[in-house]
């Protein structure tokens, strides 16, 4: 009864129910790990890391370890490692690494991201599929440190019409006019809901470039 009253009071000043639930759990149990909190509150461990970060931002708690990770099995059976570090999140599956600064939560086998307009969007296309799609479109062999390839989950498009997308950037070894070696920056945005390429960006001189044969 008292907890419900506190939750309603906190909600009236803008603190969501789940944050208050974790906060009350910590008041009762003092120092705890995210795993322990998740077991007691029945909140998914990946969400607990995010909630703890929010509570820390409000100066309501102290975190002795800012980093936490959990493994989530998606609808298609893919295993995704989700790591929270401060206000950033990393997704990793089959050596494909994705970063995002958008708030993320997990419910069962569903991963959602809260966009700047407040809409919670489900990530239906996983990192591996998005990476493979971008690699095929950009004409590169792989996406890793060797070609400065990065993948960021972010909003793309214009205001009020944002889409959640994987932004894949890489450097491609090419020859200008078949003679001069160069590195060409390429980019593809893959829709996180449909898996289709939304947009592709190359330098204006890309029509003069041909892929190097190694």
C-alpha atoms as a PDB file:
ATOM      1  CA  UNK A   1       0.000   0.000   0.000  1.00  0.00           C
ATOM      2  CA  UNK A   2       2.782   2.396   0.956  1.00  0.00           C
ATOM      3  CA  UNK A   3       4.755   1.421  -2.157  1.00  0.00           C
ATOM      4  CA  UNK A   4       1.744   2.190  -4.380  1.00  0.00           C
ATOM      5  CA  UNK A   5       1.392   5.615  -2.756  1.00  0.00           C
ATOM      6  CA  UNK A   6       5.100   6.344  -3.316  1.00  0.00           C
ATOM      7  CA  UNK A   7       4.869   5.181  -6.939  1.00  0.00           C
ATOM      8  CA  UNK A   8       1.913   7.503  -7.587  1.00  0.00           C
ATOM      9  CA  UNK A   9       3.716  10.379  -5.878  1.00  0.00           C
ATOM     10  CA  UNK A  10       6.848   9.820  -7.959  1.00  0.00           C
ATOM     11  CA  UNK A  11       4.753   9.588 -11.138  1.00  0.00           C
ATOM     12  CA  UNK A  12       3.208  12.983 -10.320  1.00  0.00           C
ATOM     13  CA  UNK A  13       6.684  14.553 -10.486  1.00  0.00           C
ATOM     14  CA  UNK A  14       7.660  12.757 -13.679  1.00  0.00           C
ATOM     15  CA  UNK A  15       9.431   9.625 -12.435  1.00  0.00           C
ATOM     16  CA  UNK A  16       8.048   6.513 -14.221  1.00  0.00           C
ATOM     17  CA  UNK A  17       6.691   3.511 -12.297  1.00  0.00           C
ATOM     18  CA  UNK A  18       9.494   1.115 -13.306  1.00  0.00           C
ATOM     19  CA  UNK A  19      12.197   3.524 -12.102  1.00  0.00           C
ATOM     20  CA  UNK A  20      10.407   3.923  -8.776  1.00  0.00           C
ATOM     21  CA  UNK A  21      10.025   0.144  -8.449  1.00  0.00           C
ATOM     22  CA  UNK A  22      13.778  -0.329  -8.798  1.00  0.00           C
ATOM     23  CA  UNK A  23      14.471   2.573  -6.452  1.00  0.00           C
ATOM     24  CA  UNK A  24      12.188   1.137  -3.744  1.00  0.00           C
ATOM     25  CA  UNK A  25      13.801  -2.270  -4.163  1.00  0.00           C
ATOM     26  CA  UNK A  26      17.216  -0.732  -3.550  1.00  0.00           C
ATOM     27  CA  UNK A  27      15.964   1.116  -0.470  1.00  0.00           C
ATOM     28  CA  UNK A  28      14.818  -2.204   0.979  1.00  0.00           C
ATOM     29  CA  UNK A  29      17.809  -4.308  -0.054  1.00  0.00           C
ATOM     30  CA  UNK A  30      20.646  -1.754  -0.184  1.00  0.00           C
ATOM     31  CA  UNK A  31      23.621  -2.654  -2.392  1.00  0.00           C
ATOM     32  CA  UNK A  32      22.543  -5.066  -5.140  1.00  0.00           C
ATOM     33  CA  UNK A  33      23.537  -6.268  -8.580  1.00  0.00           C
ATOM     34  CA  UNK A  34      21.304  -5.811 -11.616  1.00  0.00           C
ATOM     35  CA  UNK A  35      20.705  -9.556 -11.651  1.00  0.00           C
ATOM     36  CA  UNK A  36      19.495  -9.524  -8.049  1.00  0.00           C
ATOM     37  CA  UNK A  37      17.205  -6.558  -8.717  1.00  0.00           C
ATOM     38  CA  UNK A  38      15.784  -8.254 -11.815  1.00  0.00           C
ATOM     39  CA  UNK A  39      14.939 -11.403  -9.851  1.00  0.00           C
ATOM     40  CA  UNK A  40      13.193  -9.491  -7.064  1.00  0.00           C
ATOM     41  CA  UNK A  41      11.251  -7.032  -9.240  1.00  0.00           C
ATOM     42  CA  UNK A  42      10.561  -9.410 -12.178  1.00  0.00           C
ATOM     43  CA  UNK A  43      11.911  -6.725 -14.536  1.00  0.00           C
ATOM     44  CA  UNK A  44      14.068  -7.937 -17.432  1.00  0.00           C
ATOM     45  CA  UNK A  45      17.749  -7.541 -16.557  1.00  0.00           C
ATOM     46  CA  UNK A  46      18.465  -5.525 -19.718  1.00  0.00           C
ATOM     47  CA  UNK A  47      15.803  -3.033 -18.627  1.00  0.00           C
ATOM     48  CA  UNK A  48      17.214  -2.899 -15.100  1.00  0.00           C
ATOM     49  CA  UNK A  49      20.561  -1.586 -16.420  1.00  0.00           C
ATOM     50  CA  UNK A  50      18.738   1.172 -18.288  1.00  0.00           C
ATOM     51  CA  UNK A  51      16.573   2.038 -15.260  1.00  0.00           C
ATOM     52  CA  UNK A  52      19.617   2.196 -12.992  1.00  0.00           C
ATOM     53  CA  UNK A  53      21.282   4.639 -15.389  1.00  0.00           C
ATOM     54  CA  UNK A  54      18.167   6.837 -15.334  1.00  0.00           C
ATOM     55  CA  UNK A  55      18.093   6.787 -11.523  1.00  0.00           C
ATOM     56  CA  UNK A  56      21.759   7.725 -11.417  1.00  0.00           C
ATOM     57  CA  UNK A  57      21.056  10.688 -13.731  1.00  0.00           C
ATOM     58  CA  UNK A  58      18.471  11.850 -11.171  1.00  0.00           C
ATOM     59  CA  UNK A  59      21.132  11.532  -8.434  1.00  0.00           C
ATOM     60  CA  UNK A  60      18.923   9.048  -6.586  1.00  0.00           C
ATOM     61  CA  UNK A  61      21.461   6.222  -6.547  1.00  0.00           C
ATOM     62  CA  UNK A  62      25.187   5.569  -6.909  1.00  0.00           C
ATOM     63  CA  UNK A  63      26.476   3.005  -9.387  1.00  0.00           C
ATOM     64  CA  UNK A  64      29.724   1.295  -8.475  1.00  0.00           C
ATOM     65  CA  UNK A  65      29.881  -0.320 -11.927  1.00  0.00           C
ATOM     66  CA  UNK A  66      28.456   1.599 -14.892  1.00  0.00           C
ATOM     67  CA  UNK A  67      28.572  -1.300 -17.301  1.00  0.00           C
ATOM     68  CA  UNK A  68      26.180  -4.213 -17.517  1.00  0.00           C
ATOM     69  CA  UNK A  69      25.279  -6.824 -20.093  1.00  0.00           C
ATOM     70  CA  UNK A  70      22.550  -9.334 -20.762  1.00  0.00           C
ATOM     71  CA  UNK A  71      21.769 -11.924 -23.431  1.00  0.00           C
ATOM     72  CA  UNK A  72      18.390 -11.822 -25.177  1.00  0.00           C
ATOM     73  CA  UNK A  73      16.939 -14.455 -27.508  1.00  0.00           C
ATOM     74  CA  UNK A  74      14.907 -12.807 -30.278  1.00  0.00           C
ATOM     75  CA  UNK A  75      11.776 -14.097 -32.027  1.00  0.00           C
ATOM     76  CA  UNK A  76      13.824 -15.766 -34.757  1.00  0.00           C
ATOM     77  CA  UNK A  77      16.090 -17.466 -32.230  1.00  0.00           C
ATOM     78  CA  UNK A  78      19.051 -15.140 -32.683  1.00  0.00           C
ATOM     79  CA  UNK A  79      21.075 -14.459 -29.531  1.00  0.00           C
ATOM     80  CA  UNK A  80      21.775 -10.776 -28.960  1.00  0.00           C
ATOM     81  CA  UNK A  81      24.182  -9.454 -26.340  1.00  0.00           C
ATOM     82  CA  UNK A  82      23.009  -6.074 -25.047  1.00  0.00           C
ATOM     83  CA  UNK A  83      25.530  -3.983 -23.129  1.00  0.00           C
ATOM     84  CA  UNK A  84      24.698  -0.722 -21.374  1.00  0.00           C
ATOM     85  CA  UNK A  85      27.550   1.732 -20.771  1.00  0.00           C
ATOM     86  CA  UNK A  86      26.447   5.063 -19.296  1.00  0.00           C
ATOM     87  CA  UNK A  87      23.842   6.421 -21.748  1.00  0.00           C
ATOM     88  CA  UNK A  88      24.960   4.285 -24.675  1.00  0.00           C
ATOM     89  CA  UNK A  89      23.938   0.788 -25.690  1.00  0.00           C
ATOM     90  CA  UNK A  90      25.780  -1.848 -27.719  1.00  0.00           C
ATOM     91  CA  UNK A  91      24.180  -4.757 -29.534  1.00  0.00           C
ATOM     92  CA  UNK A  92      26.328  -7.704 -30.583  1.00  0.00           C
ATOM     93  CA  UNK A  93      25.454 -10.866 -32.495  1.00  0.00           C
ATOM     94  CA  UNK A  94      27.773 -13.174 -34.465  1.00  0.00           C
ATOM     95  CA  UNK A  95      30.584 -10.598 -34.285  1.00  0.00           C
ATOM     96  CA  UNK A  96      28.352  -7.847 -35.692  1.00  0.00           C
ATOM     97  CA  UNK A  97      28.511  -4.846 -33.348  1.00  0.00           C
ATOM     98  CA  UNK A  98      25.999  -1.999 -33.266  1.00  0.00           C
ATOM     99  CA  UNK A  99      25.989   1.153 -31.142  1.00  0.00           C
ATOM    100  CA  UNK A 100      23.081   3.431 -30.277  1.00  0.00           C
ATOM    101  CA  UNK A 101      22.338   6.368 -27.988  1.00  0.00           C
ATOM    102  CA  UNK A 102      18.582   5.804 -28.176  1.00  0.00           C
ATOM    103  CA  UNK A 103      16.878   4.465 -25.003  1.00  0.00           C
ATOM    104  CA  UNK A 104      16.360   0.711 -25.293  1.00  0.00           C
ATOM    105  CA  UNK A 105      14.237  -1.806 -23.420  1.00  0.00           C
ATOM    106  CA  UNK A 106      13.613  -5.538 -23.605  1.00  0.00           C
ATOM    107  CA  UNK A 107      10.329  -7.337 -23.016  1.00  0.00           C
ATOM    108  CA  UNK A 108      10.509 -11.095 -23.431  1.00  0.00           C
ATOM    109  CA  UNK A 109      12.065 -11.624 -26.851  1.00  0.00           C
ATOM    110  CA  UNK A 110      11.127  -8.145 -28.105  1.00  0.00           C
ATOM    111  CA  UNK A 111      13.642  -5.282 -28.251  1.00  0.00           C
ATOM    112  CA  UNK A 112      12.250  -1.750 -28.443  1.00  0.00           C
ATOM    113  CA  UNK A 113      13.835   1.658 -28.860  1.00  0.00           C
ATOM    114  CA  UNK A 114      12.252   4.947 -27.791  1.00  0.00           C
ATOM    115  CA  UNK A 115      12.561   7.556 -30.524  1.00  0.00           C
ATOM    116  CA  UNK A 116      12.856  11.309 -30.003  1.00  0.00           C
ATOM    117  CA  UNK A 117       9.112  11.727 -30.676  1.00  0.00           C
ATOM    118  CA  UNK A 118       8.335   9.356 -27.797  1.00  0.00           C
ATOM    119  CA  UNK A 119       7.256   6.468 -30.034  1.00  0.00           C
ATOM    120  CA  UNK A 120       8.541   3.043 -28.999  1.00  0.00           C
ATOM    121  CA  UNK A 121       9.625   1.118 -32.090  1.00  0.00           C
ATOM    122  CA  UNK A 122      10.314  -2.597 -32.176  1.00  0.00           C
ATOM    123  CA  UNK A 123      13.572  -3.706 -33.748  1.00  0.00           C
ATOM    124  CA  UNK A 124      12.362  -6.396 -36.115  1.00  0.00           C
ATOM    125  CA  UNK A 125      15.538  -6.674 -38.204  1.00  0.00           C
ATOM    126  CA  UNK A 126      18.551  -7.873 -36.243  1.00  0.00           C
ATOM    127  CA  UNK A 127      22.162  -6.613 -36.669  1.00  0.00           C
ATOM    128  CA  UNK A 128      23.383  -9.598 -38.719  1.00  0.00           C
ATOM    129  CA  UNK A 129      20.690  -9.198 -41.383  1.00  0.00           C
ATOM    130  CA  UNK A 130      21.172  -5.414 -41.534  1.00  0.00           C
ATOM    131  CA  UNK A 131      24.928  -5.846 -41.899  1.00  0.00           C
ATOM    132  CA  UNK A 132      24.579  -8.401 -44.699  1.00  0.00           C
ATOM    133  CA  UNK A 133      22.118  -6.162 -46.549  1.00  0.00           C
ATOM    134  CA  UNK A 134      24.407  -3.130 -46.340  1.00  0.00           C
ATOM    135  CA  UNK A 135      27.490  -5.136 -47.354  1.00  0.00           C
ATOM    136  CA  UNK A 136      25.719  -6.388 -50.470  1.00  0.00           C
ATOM    137  CA  UNK A 137      24.455  -2.918 -51.428  1.00  0.00           C
ATOM    138  CA  UNK A 138      27.787  -1.142 -50.842  1.00  0.00           C
ATOM    139  CA  UNK A 139      29.829  -3.802 -52.619  1.00  0.00           C
ATOM    140  CA  UNK A 140      32.193  -4.440 -49.723  1.00  0.00           C
ATOM    141  CA  UNK A 141      33.400  -7.835 -48.515  1.00  0.00           C
ATOM    142  CA  UNK A 142      32.921  -7.347 -44.782  1.00  0.00           C
ATOM    143  CA  UNK A 143      32.195  -4.815 -42.072  1.00  0.00           C
ATOM    144  CA  UNK A 144      34.866  -4.519 -39.387  1.00  0.00           C
ATOM    145  CA  UNK A 145      37.826  -2.425 -38.251  1.00  0.00           C
ATOM    146  CA  UNK A 146      39.934  -3.233 -41.329  1.00  0.00           C
ATOM    147  CA  UNK A 147      37.725  -1.097 -43.558  1.00  0.00           C
ATOM    148  CA  UNK A 148      36.708   1.332 -40.788  1.00  0.00           C
ATOM    149  CA  UNK A 149      33.184  -0.041 -40.902  1.00  0.00           C
ATOM    150  CA  UNK A 150      30.777   1.054 -38.174  1.00  0.00           C
ATOM    151  CA  UNK A 151      27.092   0.372 -37.557  1.00  0.00           C
ATOM    152  CA  UNK A 152      24.920   2.777 -35.577  1.00  0.00           C
ATOM    153  CA  UNK A 153      21.225   2.336 -34.804  1.00  0.00           C
ATOM    154  CA  UNK A 154      19.714   5.786 -35.157  1.00  0.00           C
ATOM    155  CA  UNK A 155      16.873   7.898 -36.475  1.00  0.00           C
ATOM    156  CA  UNK A 156      17.020   8.919 -40.128  1.00  0.00           C
ATOM    157  CA  UNK A 157      14.719  11.105 -42.205  1.00  0.00           C
ATOM    158  CA  UNK A 158      13.001  14.391 -41.471  1.00  0.00           C
ATOM    159  CA  UNK A 159      11.349  15.545 -38.247  1.00  0.00           C
ATOM    160  CA  UNK A 160       7.996  13.861 -37.458  1.00  0.00           C
ATOM    161  CA  UNK A 161       8.784  11.273 -40.117  1.00  0.00           C
ATOM    162  CA  UNK A 162      11.800   9.605 -38.542  1.00  0.00           C
ATOM    163  CA  UNK A 163      12.590   5.986 -39.235  1.00  0.00           C
ATOM    164  CA  UNK A 164      14.694   3.714 -37.094  1.00  0.00           C
ATOM    165  CA  UNK A 165      17.614   2.503 -39.188  1.00  0.00           C
ATOM    166  CA  UNK A 166      21.028   0.879 -39.078  1.00  0.00           C
ATOM    167  CA  UNK A 167      23.520   3.375 -40.481  1.00  0.00           C
ATOM    168  CA  UNK A 168      26.440   1.434 -41.957  1.00  0.00           C
ATOM    169  CA  UNK A 169      29.561   3.405 -42.895  1.00  0.00           C
ATOM    170  CA  UNK A 170      32.745   1.976 -44.408  1.00  0.00           C
ATOM    171  CA  UNK A 171      35.777   2.724 -46.563  1.00  0.00           C
ATOM    172  CA  UNK A 172      36.019   1.016 -49.909  1.00  0.00           C
ATOM    173  CA  UNK A 173      39.292   0.496 -51.806  1.00  0.00           C
ATOM    174  CA  UNK A 174      38.825   1.729 -55.362  1.00  0.00           C
ATOM    175  CA  UNK A 175      40.768   2.903 -58.402  1.00  0.00           C
ATOM    176  CA  UNK A 176      39.929   6.206 -60.054  1.00  0.00           C
ATOM    177  CA  UNK A 177      39.696   5.735 -63.821  1.00  0.00           C
ATOM    178  CA  UNK A 178      41.216   2.317 -63.195  1.00  0.00           C
ATOM    179  CA  UNK A 179      44.587   3.928 -62.427  1.00  0.00           C
ATOM    180  CA  UNK A 180      44.790   5.778 -59.122  1.00  0.00           C
ATOM    181  CA  UNK A 181      44.221   4.036 -55.823  1.00  0.00           C
ATOM    182  CA  UNK A 182      41.853   5.728 -53.396  1.00  0.00           C
ATOM    183  CA  UNK A 183      39.630   5.064 -50.406  1.00  0.00           C
ATOM    184  CA  UNK A 184      35.972   5.917 -50.914  1.00  0.00           C
ATOM    185  CA  UNK A 185      33.640   6.567 -47.997  1.00  0.00           C
ATOM    186  CA  UNK A 186      30.316   4.791 -48.508  1.00  0.00           C
ATOM    187  CA  UNK A 187      27.148   4.638 -46.420  1.00  0.00           C
ATOM    188  CA  UNK A 188      23.866   2.726 -46.418  1.00  0.00           C
ATOM    189  CA  UNK A 189      20.865   3.080 -44.127  1.00  0.00           C
ATOM    190  CA  UNK A 190      18.883  -0.111 -43.534  1.00  0.00           C
ATOM    191  CA  UNK A 191      15.342   0.096 -42.149  1.00  0.00           C
ATOM    192  CA  UNK A 192      15.255  -1.646 -38.729  1.00  0.00           C
ATOM    193  CA  UNK A 193      11.639  -2.697 -39.307  1.00  0.00           C
ATOM    194  CA  UNK A 194      11.598  -3.892 -42.928  1.00  0.00           C
ATOM    195  CA  UNK A 195      15.262  -4.677 -43.625  1.00  0.00           C
ATOM    196  CA  UNK A 196      15.188  -2.624 -46.834  1.00  0.00           C
ATOM    197  CA  UNK A 197      17.832  -0.072 -47.789  1.00  0.00           C
ATOM    198  CA  UNK A 198      16.352   3.388 -47.193  1.00  0.00           C
ATOM    199  CA  UNK A 199      19.203   5.390 -48.654  1.00  0.00           C
ATOM    200  CA  UNK A 200      22.762   5.092 -49.915  1.00  0.00           C
ATOM    201  CA  UNK A 201      25.489   7.733 -50.008  1.00  0.00           C
ATOM    202  CA  UNK A 202      28.709   7.894 -52.032  1.00  0.00           C
ATOM    203  CA  UNK A 203      30.984  10.788 -53.062  1.00  0.00           C
ATOM    204  CA  UNK A 204      30.129  12.629 -56.297  1.00  0.00           C
ATOM    205  CA  UNK A 205      33.139  11.108 -58.052  1.00  0.00           C
ATOM    206  CA  UNK A 206      32.068   7.529 -57.346  1.00  0.00           C
ATOM    207  CA  UNK A 207      31.094   7.025 -61.007  1.00  0.00           C
ATOM    208  CA  UNK A 208      34.791   7.326 -61.853  1.00  0.00           C
ATOM    209  CA  UNK A 209      35.781   4.653 -59.337  1.00  0.00           C
ATOM    210  CA  UNK A 210      36.101   0.931 -59.774  1.00  0.00           C
ATOM    211  CA  UNK A 211      36.516  -1.633 -57.028  1.00  0.00           C
ATOM    212  CA  UNK A 212      40.078  -2.842 -56.522  1.00  0.00           C
ATOM    213  CA  UNK A 213      40.694  -6.497 -57.131  1.00  0.00           C
ATOM    214  CA  UNK A 214      42.818  -7.994 -54.345  1.00  0.00           C
END
